[in-house]
Amino acid sequence: MAIRQIRVVPDPVLRTPCDPVRDITPAVRQLITDLLETVDDPGRAGLSANQIGVSLRAFSYNIGGKLGYVINPVLVETSGEQYSEEGCLSVPNQWYPTRRAEYAKVRGINLEGQEITLEGKGLMGRMLQHECDHLDGHVYLDRLEKDVRKQAMRQLRAQH
C-alpha cells in the first residue's frame, strides 16, 4: 500500500493550478492507486493529487463507503446553496462554515480514457466543488466570509 503524506498550507503546491493528465501512463495509474489508498480512511471525503504533491488534475473520494476517482475533472453544473462546516486534510483540525452549491456535477475520464460523470447533493456536492478548487490552486479558506477567514488565518499562523 502507498498511503501518501498530505501536504498542508502553506505548501506552494496547494496554490498551483494542476496540469491536465495527457496520457494514461503507469505513473498515472500509480497516482490513482495512491489517491484511492490515501483517501480510504475514516473521516476523509476527498483527496486531490496536489494534496500529495503531484500537480496533475485528478482526485479520489470516499463518500458513504464508496471509493472512486476522476481524472481531468471539470465542474460543469452547480445549483442551490448549502452553508455548513467544511474542513480539509491540508488545513488540519480546522472547520469553518463555508458556502457552496447544494448540487454539483463533474465530468472527467477514468483510467480507460472513457468519459465519466459524477454528481451529487450535500456532502457529495461539497466534495466535488472542494476537490475541483484544489486542482485550480485554491483551498476552502479562500471561500470563507471575511471575518471567518481572518480568524482562520490567525489560527493557521498560530500553528506554524
N, C-alpha and C. Protein backbone atom coordinates (compact mmCIF):
# COMPACT_ATOMS: atom_id res chain seq x y z
N MET A 1 0.83 -1.19 0.00
CA MET A 1 0.00 0.00 0.00
C MET A 1 0.87 1.24 0.00
N ALA A 2 0.34 2.29 -0.64
CA ALA A 2 1.10 3.54 -0.72
C ALA A 2 0.25 4.69 -0.21
N ILE A 3 0.13 4.77 1.10
CA ILE A 3 -0.57 5.90 1.70
C ILE A 3 0.42 7.06 1.74
N ARG A 4 0.06 8.13 1.06
CA ARG A 4 0.97 9.25 0.87
C ARG A 4 0.76 10.31 1.93
N GLN A 5 1.82 11.04 2.20
CA GLN A 5 1.77 12.16 3.16
C GLN A 5 0.97 13.30 2.55
N ILE A 6 0.12 13.93 3.38
CA ILE A 6 -0.71 15.04 2.94
C ILE A 6 0.07 16.35 3.09
N ARG A 7 0.10 17.14 2.03
CA ARG A 7 0.71 18.46 2.08
C ARG A 7 -0.25 19.42 2.78
N VAL A 8 0.29 20.32 3.57
CA VAL A 8 -0.54 21.26 4.32
C VAL A 8 -0.19 22.70 3.96
N VAL A 9 -1.19 23.58 4.14
CA VAL A 9 -0.99 25.02 3.94
C VAL A 9 0.14 25.45 4.87
N PRO A 10 1.14 26.19 4.41
CA PRO A 10 1.23 26.98 3.19
C PRO A 10 2.02 26.35 2.04
N ASP A 11 2.09 25.04 1.92
CA ASP A 11 2.85 24.40 0.85
C ASP A 11 2.44 24.99 -0.51
N PRO A 12 3.40 25.50 -1.30
CA PRO A 12 3.06 26.15 -2.58
C PRO A 12 2.37 25.23 -3.59
N VAL A 13 2.54 23.92 -3.49
CA VAL A 13 1.89 23.01 -4.45
C VAL A 13 0.36 23.14 -4.35
N LEU A 14 -0.13 23.55 -3.18
CA LEU A 14 -1.57 23.70 -2.98
C LEU A 14 -2.12 24.95 -3.66
N ARG A 15 -1.25 25.87 -4.02
CA ARG A 15 -1.65 27.14 -4.65
C ARG A 15 -1.32 27.17 -6.14
N THR A 16 -0.90 26.04 -6.67
CA THR A 16 -0.52 25.96 -8.08
C THR A 16 -1.59 25.19 -8.86
N PRO A 17 -2.18 25.81 -9.88
CA PRO A 17 -3.16 25.07 -10.69
C PRO A 17 -2.51 23.81 -11.30
N CYS A 18 -3.25 22.72 -11.29
CA CYS A 18 -2.73 21.44 -11.76
C CYS A 18 -2.85 21.30 -13.28
N ASP A 19 -1.91 20.57 -13.85
CA ASP A 19 -1.90 20.30 -15.29
C ASP A 19 -2.83 19.14 -15.61
N PRO A 20 -3.46 19.17 -16.79
CA PRO A 20 -4.30 18.03 -17.18
C PRO A 20 -3.44 16.79 -17.41
N VAL A 21 -4.04 15.64 -17.18
CA VAL A 21 -3.40 14.36 -17.49
C VAL A 21 -3.52 14.18 -19.01
N ARG A 22 -2.39 14.04 -19.69
CA ARG A 22 -2.40 13.94 -21.16
C ARG A 22 -2.49 12.49 -21.63
N ASP A 23 -1.83 11.59 -20.92
CA ASP A 23 -1.80 10.17 -21.28
C ASP A 23 -1.95 9.33 -20.02
N ILE A 24 -2.60 8.21 -20.16
CA ILE A 24 -2.73 7.27 -19.03
C ILE A 24 -1.48 6.39 -19.04
N THR A 25 -0.51 6.79 -18.23
CA THR A 25 0.78 6.10 -18.15
C THR A 25 0.80 5.24 -16.88
N PRO A 26 1.81 4.39 -16.73
CA PRO A 26 1.93 3.65 -15.47
C PRO A 26 2.03 4.59 -14.26
N ALA A 27 2.67 5.75 -14.42
CA ALA A 27 2.77 6.70 -13.31
C ALA A 27 1.39 7.25 -12.94
N VAL A 28 0.53 7.50 -13.92
CA VAL A 28 -0.82 7.98 -13.64
C VAL A 28 -1.63 6.87 -12.96
N ARG A 29 -1.47 5.65 -13.41
CA ARG A 29 -2.17 4.52 -12.76
C ARG A 29 -1.74 4.40 -11.29
N GLN A 30 -0.45 4.57 -11.03
CA GLN A 30 0.05 4.51 -9.65
C GLN A 30 -0.48 5.68 -8.83
N LEU A 31 -0.57 6.86 -9.44
CA LEU A 31 -1.13 8.02 -8.76
C LEU A 31 -2.56 7.73 -8.31
N ILE A 32 -3.36 7.17 -9.19
CA ILE A 32 -4.77 6.87 -8.84
C ILE A 32 -4.81 5.84 -7.72
N THR A 33 -3.98 4.82 -7.79
CA THR A 33 -3.92 3.83 -6.70
C THR A 33 -3.55 4.51 -5.38
N ASP A 34 -2.55 5.39 -5.41
CA ASP A 34 -2.13 6.09 -4.20
C ASP A 34 -3.24 7.00 -3.67
N LEU A 35 -3.94 7.70 -4.57
CA LEU A 35 -5.05 8.57 -4.15
C LEU A 35 -6.15 7.75 -3.48
N LEU A 36 -6.50 6.62 -4.07
CA LEU A 36 -7.55 5.77 -3.50
C LEU A 36 -7.15 5.19 -2.15
N GLU A 37 -5.91 4.75 -2.04
CA GLU A 37 -5.45 4.17 -0.77
C GLU A 37 -5.33 5.24 0.32
N THR A 38 -4.95 6.45 -0.06
CA THR A 38 -4.77 7.52 0.92
C THR A 38 -6.12 8.07 1.40
N VAL A 39 -7.12 8.12 0.52
CA VAL A 39 -8.44 8.65 0.92
C VAL A 39 -9.25 7.61 1.69
N ASP A 40 -8.86 6.35 1.60
CA ASP A 40 -9.63 5.27 2.23
C ASP A 40 -9.32 5.18 3.72
N ASP A 41 -9.78 6.19 4.45
CA ASP A 41 -9.55 6.30 5.88
C ASP A 41 -10.76 7.02 6.46
N PRO A 42 -11.28 6.59 7.59
CA PRO A 42 -12.45 7.26 8.14
C PRO A 42 -12.24 8.76 8.28
N GLY A 43 -13.27 9.53 7.91
CA GLY A 43 -13.21 10.97 8.03
C GLY A 43 -12.64 11.67 6.81
N ARG A 44 -12.19 10.91 5.83
CA ARG A 44 -11.66 11.51 4.60
C ARG A 44 -12.70 11.39 3.50
N ALA A 45 -13.13 12.53 2.96
CA ALA A 45 -14.16 12.54 1.93
C ALA A 45 -13.57 12.66 0.53
N GLY A 46 -12.47 13.40 0.41
CA GLY A 46 -11.86 13.61 -0.90
C GLY A 46 -10.39 13.96 -0.77
N LEU A 47 -9.66 13.74 -1.86
CA LEU A 47 -8.22 14.00 -1.87
C LEU A 47 -7.78 14.32 -3.29
N SER A 48 -7.19 15.49 -3.47
CA SER A 48 -6.70 15.86 -4.80
C SER A 48 -5.23 15.51 -4.92
N ALA A 49 -4.79 15.35 -6.16
CA ALA A 49 -3.40 14.95 -6.42
C ALA A 49 -2.40 15.94 -5.84
N ASN A 50 -2.69 17.24 -5.92
CA ASN A 50 -1.71 18.19 -5.39
C ASN A 50 -1.61 18.13 -3.87
N GLN A 51 -2.61 17.56 -3.19
CA GLN A 51 -2.50 17.38 -1.74
C GLN A 51 -1.46 16.33 -1.37
N ILE A 52 -1.07 15.50 -2.34
CA ILE A 52 0.02 14.55 -2.10
C ILE A 52 1.24 14.93 -2.95
N GLY A 53 1.27 16.20 -3.40
CA GLY A 53 2.46 16.74 -4.06
C GLY A 53 2.57 16.50 -5.54
N VAL A 54 1.48 16.07 -6.20
CA VAL A 54 1.51 15.81 -7.64
C VAL A 54 0.60 16.82 -8.34
N SER A 55 1.14 17.64 -9.20
CA SER A 55 0.38 18.71 -9.85
C SER A 55 -0.32 18.24 -11.12
N LEU A 56 -1.16 17.21 -10.97
CA LEU A 56 -1.98 16.72 -12.08
C LEU A 56 -3.44 16.76 -11.68
N ARG A 57 -4.34 16.97 -12.67
CA ARG A 57 -5.78 17.08 -12.41
C ARG A 57 -6.39 15.69 -12.18
N ALA A 58 -6.43 15.29 -10.92
CA ALA A 58 -7.07 14.04 -10.54
C ALA A 58 -7.42 14.12 -9.06
N PHE A 59 -8.54 13.48 -8.68
CA PHE A 59 -8.86 13.37 -7.26
C PHE A 59 -9.55 12.05 -6.99
N SER A 60 -9.50 11.65 -5.73
CA SER A 60 -10.22 10.47 -5.27
C SER A 60 -11.25 10.92 -4.25
N TYR A 61 -12.22 10.03 -3.99
CA TYR A 61 -13.24 10.36 -3.00
C TYR A 61 -13.64 9.11 -2.22
N ASN A 62 -14.22 9.37 -1.05
CA ASN A 62 -14.68 8.32 -0.15
C ASN A 62 -15.94 8.85 0.53
N ILE A 63 -17.08 8.66 -0.12
CA ILE A 63 -18.34 9.19 0.37
C ILE A 63 -19.30 8.02 0.62
N GLY A 64 -19.78 7.94 1.84
CA GLY A 64 -20.74 6.88 2.16
C GLY A 64 -20.20 5.49 1.91
N GLY A 65 -18.89 5.30 2.13
CA GLY A 65 -18.28 3.99 1.92
C GLY A 65 -17.98 3.67 0.47
N LYS A 66 -18.27 4.60 -0.46
CA LYS A 66 -17.98 4.37 -1.87
C LYS A 66 -16.71 5.11 -2.25
N LEU A 67 -15.73 4.35 -2.73
CA LEU A 67 -14.45 4.90 -3.19
C LEU A 67 -14.49 5.11 -4.70
N GLY A 68 -13.87 6.19 -5.16
CA GLY A 68 -13.78 6.41 -6.59
C GLY A 68 -12.76 7.48 -6.91
N TYR A 69 -12.65 7.82 -8.19
CA TYR A 69 -11.69 8.82 -8.64
C TYR A 69 -12.19 9.44 -9.93
N VAL A 70 -11.64 10.58 -10.27
CA VAL A 70 -11.90 11.25 -11.55
C VAL A 70 -10.58 11.84 -12.02
N ILE A 71 -10.27 11.65 -13.28
CA ILE A 71 -9.11 12.25 -13.93
C ILE A 71 -9.60 13.41 -14.80
N ASN A 72 -8.88 14.52 -14.77
CA ASN A 72 -9.23 15.73 -15.53
C ASN A 72 -10.66 16.21 -15.26
N PRO A 73 -11.05 16.29 -13.98
CA PRO A 73 -12.41 16.73 -13.69
C PRO A 73 -12.64 18.19 -14.04
N VAL A 74 -13.84 18.46 -14.53
CA VAL A 74 -14.29 19.82 -14.81
C VAL A 74 -15.67 19.96 -14.18
N LEU A 75 -15.83 20.99 -13.38
CA LEU A 75 -17.12 21.29 -12.76
C LEU A 75 -18.02 21.87 -13.85
N VAL A 76 -19.09 21.14 -14.21
CA VAL A 76 -19.92 21.56 -15.34
C VAL A 76 -21.29 22.10 -14.93
N GLU A 77 -21.69 21.85 -13.68
CA GLU A 77 -23.00 22.34 -13.26
C GLU A 77 -23.07 22.43 -11.74
N THR A 78 -23.70 23.49 -11.25
CA THR A 78 -24.00 23.62 -9.83
C THR A 78 -25.38 24.26 -9.70
N SER A 79 -26.04 23.99 -8.57
CA SER A 79 -27.32 24.65 -8.29
C SER A 79 -27.59 24.60 -6.79
N GLY A 80 -28.48 25.49 -6.37
CA GLY A 80 -28.86 25.55 -4.97
C GLY A 80 -27.74 26.12 -4.12
N GLU A 81 -27.95 26.04 -2.81
CA GLU A 81 -26.94 26.56 -1.88
C GLU A 81 -26.97 25.77 -0.58
N GLN A 82 -25.78 25.56 -0.04
CA GLN A 82 -25.63 24.99 1.30
C GLN A 82 -24.59 25.83 2.04
N TYR A 83 -24.77 25.90 3.34
CA TYR A 83 -23.84 26.67 4.17
C TYR A 83 -23.63 25.86 5.44
N SER A 84 -22.49 25.17 5.49
CA SER A 84 -22.22 24.36 6.67
C SER A 84 -20.72 24.20 6.87
N GLU A 85 -20.38 23.52 7.96
CA GLU A 85 -18.97 23.34 8.32
C GLU A 85 -18.23 22.56 7.24
N GLU A 86 -17.03 23.02 6.94
CA GLU A 86 -16.17 22.35 5.98
C GLU A 86 -14.78 22.28 6.56
N GLY A 87 -14.08 21.21 6.24
CA GLY A 87 -12.71 21.03 6.68
C GLY A 87 -11.87 20.56 5.51
N CYS A 88 -10.58 20.38 5.77
CA CYS A 88 -9.66 19.98 4.70
C CYS A 88 -8.45 19.29 5.31
N LEU A 89 -8.02 18.21 4.67
CA LEU A 89 -6.84 17.50 5.15
C LEU A 89 -5.59 18.38 5.11
N SER A 90 -5.59 19.37 4.23
CA SER A 90 -4.44 20.28 4.11
C SER A 90 -4.52 21.47 5.05
N VAL A 91 -5.61 21.55 5.82
CA VAL A 91 -5.78 22.56 6.86
C VAL A 91 -6.25 21.80 8.10
N PRO A 92 -5.35 21.02 8.71
CA PRO A 92 -5.75 20.07 9.76
C PRO A 92 -6.44 20.72 10.95
N ASN A 93 -7.46 20.03 11.43
CA ASN A 93 -8.16 20.39 12.68
C ASN A 93 -8.84 21.74 12.65
N GLN A 94 -9.18 22.23 11.47
CA GLN A 94 -9.92 23.49 11.39
C GLN A 94 -11.16 23.27 10.53
N TRP A 95 -12.30 23.64 11.08
CA TRP A 95 -13.58 23.53 10.39
C TRP A 95 -14.27 24.87 10.45
N TYR A 96 -14.75 25.34 9.29
CA TYR A 96 -15.40 26.65 9.24
C TYR A 96 -16.64 26.57 8.35
N PRO A 97 -17.65 27.39 8.69
CA PRO A 97 -18.84 27.44 7.83
C PRO A 97 -18.46 27.99 6.46
N THR A 98 -18.83 27.23 5.43
CA THR A 98 -18.43 27.56 4.06
C THR A 98 -19.64 27.45 3.14
N ARG A 99 -19.82 28.46 2.30
CA ARG A 99 -20.93 28.48 1.36
C ARG A 99 -20.54 27.74 0.09
N ARG A 100 -21.38 26.80 -0.31
CA ARG A 100 -21.18 26.02 -1.53
C ARG A 100 -22.53 25.83 -2.22
N ALA A 101 -22.50 25.39 -3.46
CA ALA A 101 -23.72 24.96 -4.13
C ALA A 101 -24.19 23.65 -3.48
N GLU A 102 -25.47 23.44 -3.43
CA GLU A 102 -26.03 22.20 -2.86
C GLU A 102 -25.74 21.01 -3.79
N TYR A 103 -25.85 21.26 -5.09
CA TYR A 103 -25.67 20.20 -6.10
C TYR A 103 -24.49 20.57 -7.00
N ALA A 104 -23.72 19.56 -7.36
CA ALA A 104 -22.61 19.78 -8.29
C ALA A 104 -22.48 18.57 -9.21
N LYS A 105 -22.02 18.85 -10.43
CA LYS A 105 -21.76 17.79 -11.42
C LYS A 105 -20.38 18.02 -12.01
N VAL A 106 -19.61 16.93 -12.09
CA VAL A 106 -18.24 16.96 -12.63
C VAL A 106 -18.15 15.96 -13.76
N ARG A 107 -17.45 16.35 -14.83
CA ARG A 107 -17.14 15.41 -15.92
C ARG A 107 -15.63 15.24 -15.98
N GLY A 108 -15.21 14.02 -16.28
CA GLY A 108 -13.79 13.73 -16.44
C GLY A 108 -13.65 12.40 -17.15
N ILE A 109 -12.53 11.73 -16.92
CA ILE A 109 -12.30 10.43 -17.53
C ILE A 109 -11.83 9.44 -16.46
N ASN A 110 -11.92 8.16 -16.82
CA ASN A 110 -11.38 7.11 -15.96
C ASN A 110 -10.05 6.61 -16.54
N LEU A 111 -9.50 5.57 -15.93
CA LEU A 111 -8.18 5.06 -16.37
C LEU A 111 -8.22 4.42 -17.76
N GLU A 112 -9.42 4.14 -18.27
CA GLU A 112 -9.54 3.60 -19.62
C GLU A 112 -9.72 4.72 -20.65
N GLY A 113 -9.74 5.98 -20.16
CA GLY A 113 -9.92 7.12 -21.06
C GLY A 113 -11.37 7.39 -21.40
N GLN A 114 -12.30 6.68 -20.77
CA GLN A 114 -13.73 6.87 -21.03
C GLN A 114 -14.26 8.04 -20.21
N GLU A 115 -15.17 8.82 -20.82
CA GLU A 115 -15.77 9.94 -20.10
C GLU A 115 -16.67 9.41 -18.98
N ILE A 116 -16.55 10.05 -17.81
CA ILE A 116 -17.41 9.72 -16.68
C ILE A 116 -18.00 11.00 -16.12
N THR A 117 -19.16 10.85 -15.50
CA THR A 117 -19.84 11.96 -14.83
C THR A 117 -20.07 11.56 -13.39
N LEU A 118 -19.80 12.48 -12.51
CA LEU A 118 -20.02 12.27 -11.07
C LEU A 118 -20.85 13.46 -10.60
N GLU A 119 -21.91 13.19 -9.85
CA GLU A 119 -22.77 14.26 -9.38
C GLU A 119 -23.34 13.92 -8.03
N GLY A 120 -23.79 14.96 -7.32
CA GLY A 120 -24.42 14.70 -6.04
C GLY A 120 -24.79 15.97 -5.32
N LYS A 121 -25.57 15.78 -4.26
CA LYS A 121 -26.01 16.87 -3.39
C LYS A 121 -25.34 16.71 -2.03
N GLY A 122 -25.49 17.72 -1.21
CA GLY A 122 -24.98 17.64 0.16
C GLY A 122 -23.48 17.43 0.19
N LEU A 123 -23.04 16.42 0.95
CA LEU A 123 -21.61 16.17 1.11
C LEU A 123 -20.93 15.85 -0.23
N MET A 124 -21.59 15.07 -1.07
CA MET A 124 -21.01 14.74 -2.37
C MET A 124 -20.84 16.01 -3.21
N GLY A 125 -21.84 16.86 -3.24
CA GLY A 125 -21.75 18.11 -3.98
C GLY A 125 -20.64 19.00 -3.44
N ARG A 126 -20.55 19.06 -2.11
CA ARG A 126 -19.50 19.87 -1.47
C ARG A 126 -18.12 19.32 -1.83
N MET A 127 -17.95 18.00 -1.76
CA MET A 127 -16.65 17.39 -2.06
C MET A 127 -16.24 17.67 -3.51
N LEU A 128 -17.16 17.54 -4.45
CA LEU A 128 -16.82 17.77 -5.86
C LEU A 128 -16.29 19.19 -6.06
N GLN A 129 -16.95 20.16 -5.44
CA GLN A 129 -16.51 21.55 -5.56
C GLN A 129 -15.18 21.77 -4.86
N HIS A 130 -15.02 21.19 -3.67
CA HIS A 130 -13.81 21.33 -2.86
C HIS A 130 -12.60 20.79 -3.62
N GLU A 131 -12.73 19.59 -4.20
CA GLU A 131 -11.59 18.97 -4.89
C GLU A 131 -11.27 19.71 -6.19
N CYS A 132 -12.28 20.17 -6.93
CA CYS A 132 -12.01 20.95 -8.14
C CYS A 132 -11.31 22.26 -7.78
N ASP A 133 -11.71 22.88 -6.66
CA ASP A 133 -11.00 24.07 -6.19
C ASP A 133 -9.52 23.76 -5.97
N HIS A 134 -9.23 22.64 -5.28
CA HIS A 134 -7.82 22.27 -5.06
C HIS A 134 -7.07 22.20 -6.38
N LEU A 135 -7.66 21.54 -7.37
CA LEU A 135 -6.96 21.35 -8.65
C LEU A 135 -6.76 22.66 -9.39
N ASP A 136 -7.56 23.68 -9.03
CA ASP A 136 -7.39 25.01 -9.61
C ASP A 136 -6.45 25.88 -8.78
N GLY A 137 -5.87 25.32 -7.71
CA GLY A 137 -4.91 26.05 -6.88
C GLY A 137 -5.55 26.84 -5.74
N HIS A 138 -6.75 26.45 -5.32
CA HIS A 138 -7.44 27.14 -4.22
C HIS A 138 -7.69 26.18 -3.05
N VAL A 139 -7.74 26.74 -1.85
CA VAL A 139 -8.16 25.97 -0.68
C VAL A 139 -9.46 26.58 -0.16
N TYR A 140 -10.20 25.81 0.61
CA TYR A 140 -11.52 26.27 1.03
C TYR A 140 -11.47 27.55 1.85
N LEU A 141 -10.35 27.85 2.48
CA LEU A 141 -10.22 29.08 3.25
C LEU A 141 -10.47 30.31 2.37
N ASP A 142 -10.18 30.20 1.07
CA ASP A 142 -10.40 31.30 0.13
C ASP A 142 -11.88 31.66 0.02
N ARG A 143 -12.76 30.72 0.32
CA ARG A 143 -14.20 30.91 0.17
C ARG A 143 -14.88 31.42 1.43
N LEU A 144 -14.14 31.51 2.52
CA LEU A 144 -14.76 31.92 3.78
C LEU A 144 -15.16 33.39 3.75
N GLU A 145 -16.20 33.71 4.53
CA GLU A 145 -16.57 35.11 4.68
C GLU A 145 -15.44 35.84 5.39
N LYS A 146 -15.32 37.13 5.13
CA LYS A 146 -14.15 37.92 5.53
C LYS A 146 -13.76 37.73 7.01
N ASP A 147 -14.69 37.90 7.93
CA ASP A 147 -14.36 37.80 9.36
C ASP A 147 -13.92 36.39 9.74
N VAL A 148 -14.59 35.39 9.18
CA VAL A 148 -14.25 33.99 9.47
C VAL A 148 -12.88 33.67 8.89
N ARG A 149 -12.59 34.21 7.70
CA ARG A 149 -11.29 33.98 7.07
C ARG A 149 -10.17 34.58 7.91
N LYS A 150 -10.38 35.77 8.44
CA LYS A 150 -9.37 36.39 9.32
C LYS A 150 -9.09 35.49 10.52
N GLN A 151 -10.14 34.98 11.13
CA GLN A 151 -10.00 34.08 12.28
C GLN A 151 -9.22 32.82 11.88
N ALA A 152 -9.56 32.26 10.73
CA ALA A 152 -8.88 31.04 10.25
C ALA A 152 -7.40 31.29 10.00
N MET A 153 -7.09 32.42 9.39
CA MET A 153 -5.69 32.73 9.10
C MET A 153 -4.89 32.97 10.38
N ARG A 154 -5.52 33.62 11.36
CA ARG A 154 -4.84 33.80 12.66
C ARG A 154 -4.54 32.44 13.29
N GLN A 155 -5.50 31.53 13.24
CA GLN A 155 -5.30 30.20 13.82
C GLN A 155 -4.21 29.44 13.07
N LEU A 156 -4.18 29.57 11.75
CA LEU A 156 -3.13 28.94 10.96
C LEU A 156 -1.74 29.45 11.33
N ARG A 157 -1.61 30.76 11.43
CA ARG A 157 -0.32 31.35 11.80
C ARG A 157 0.12 30.88 13.19
N ALA A 158 -0.82 30.75 14.11
CA ALA A 158 -0.51 30.30 15.47
C ALA A 158 0.02 28.86 15.48
N GLN A 159 -0.41 28.05 14.50
CA GLN A 159 0.02 26.66 14.43
C GLN A 159 1.41 26.50 13.82
N HIS A 160 1.87 27.50 13.09
CA HIS A 160 3.17 27.38 12.42
C HIS A 160 4.25 28.16 13.09
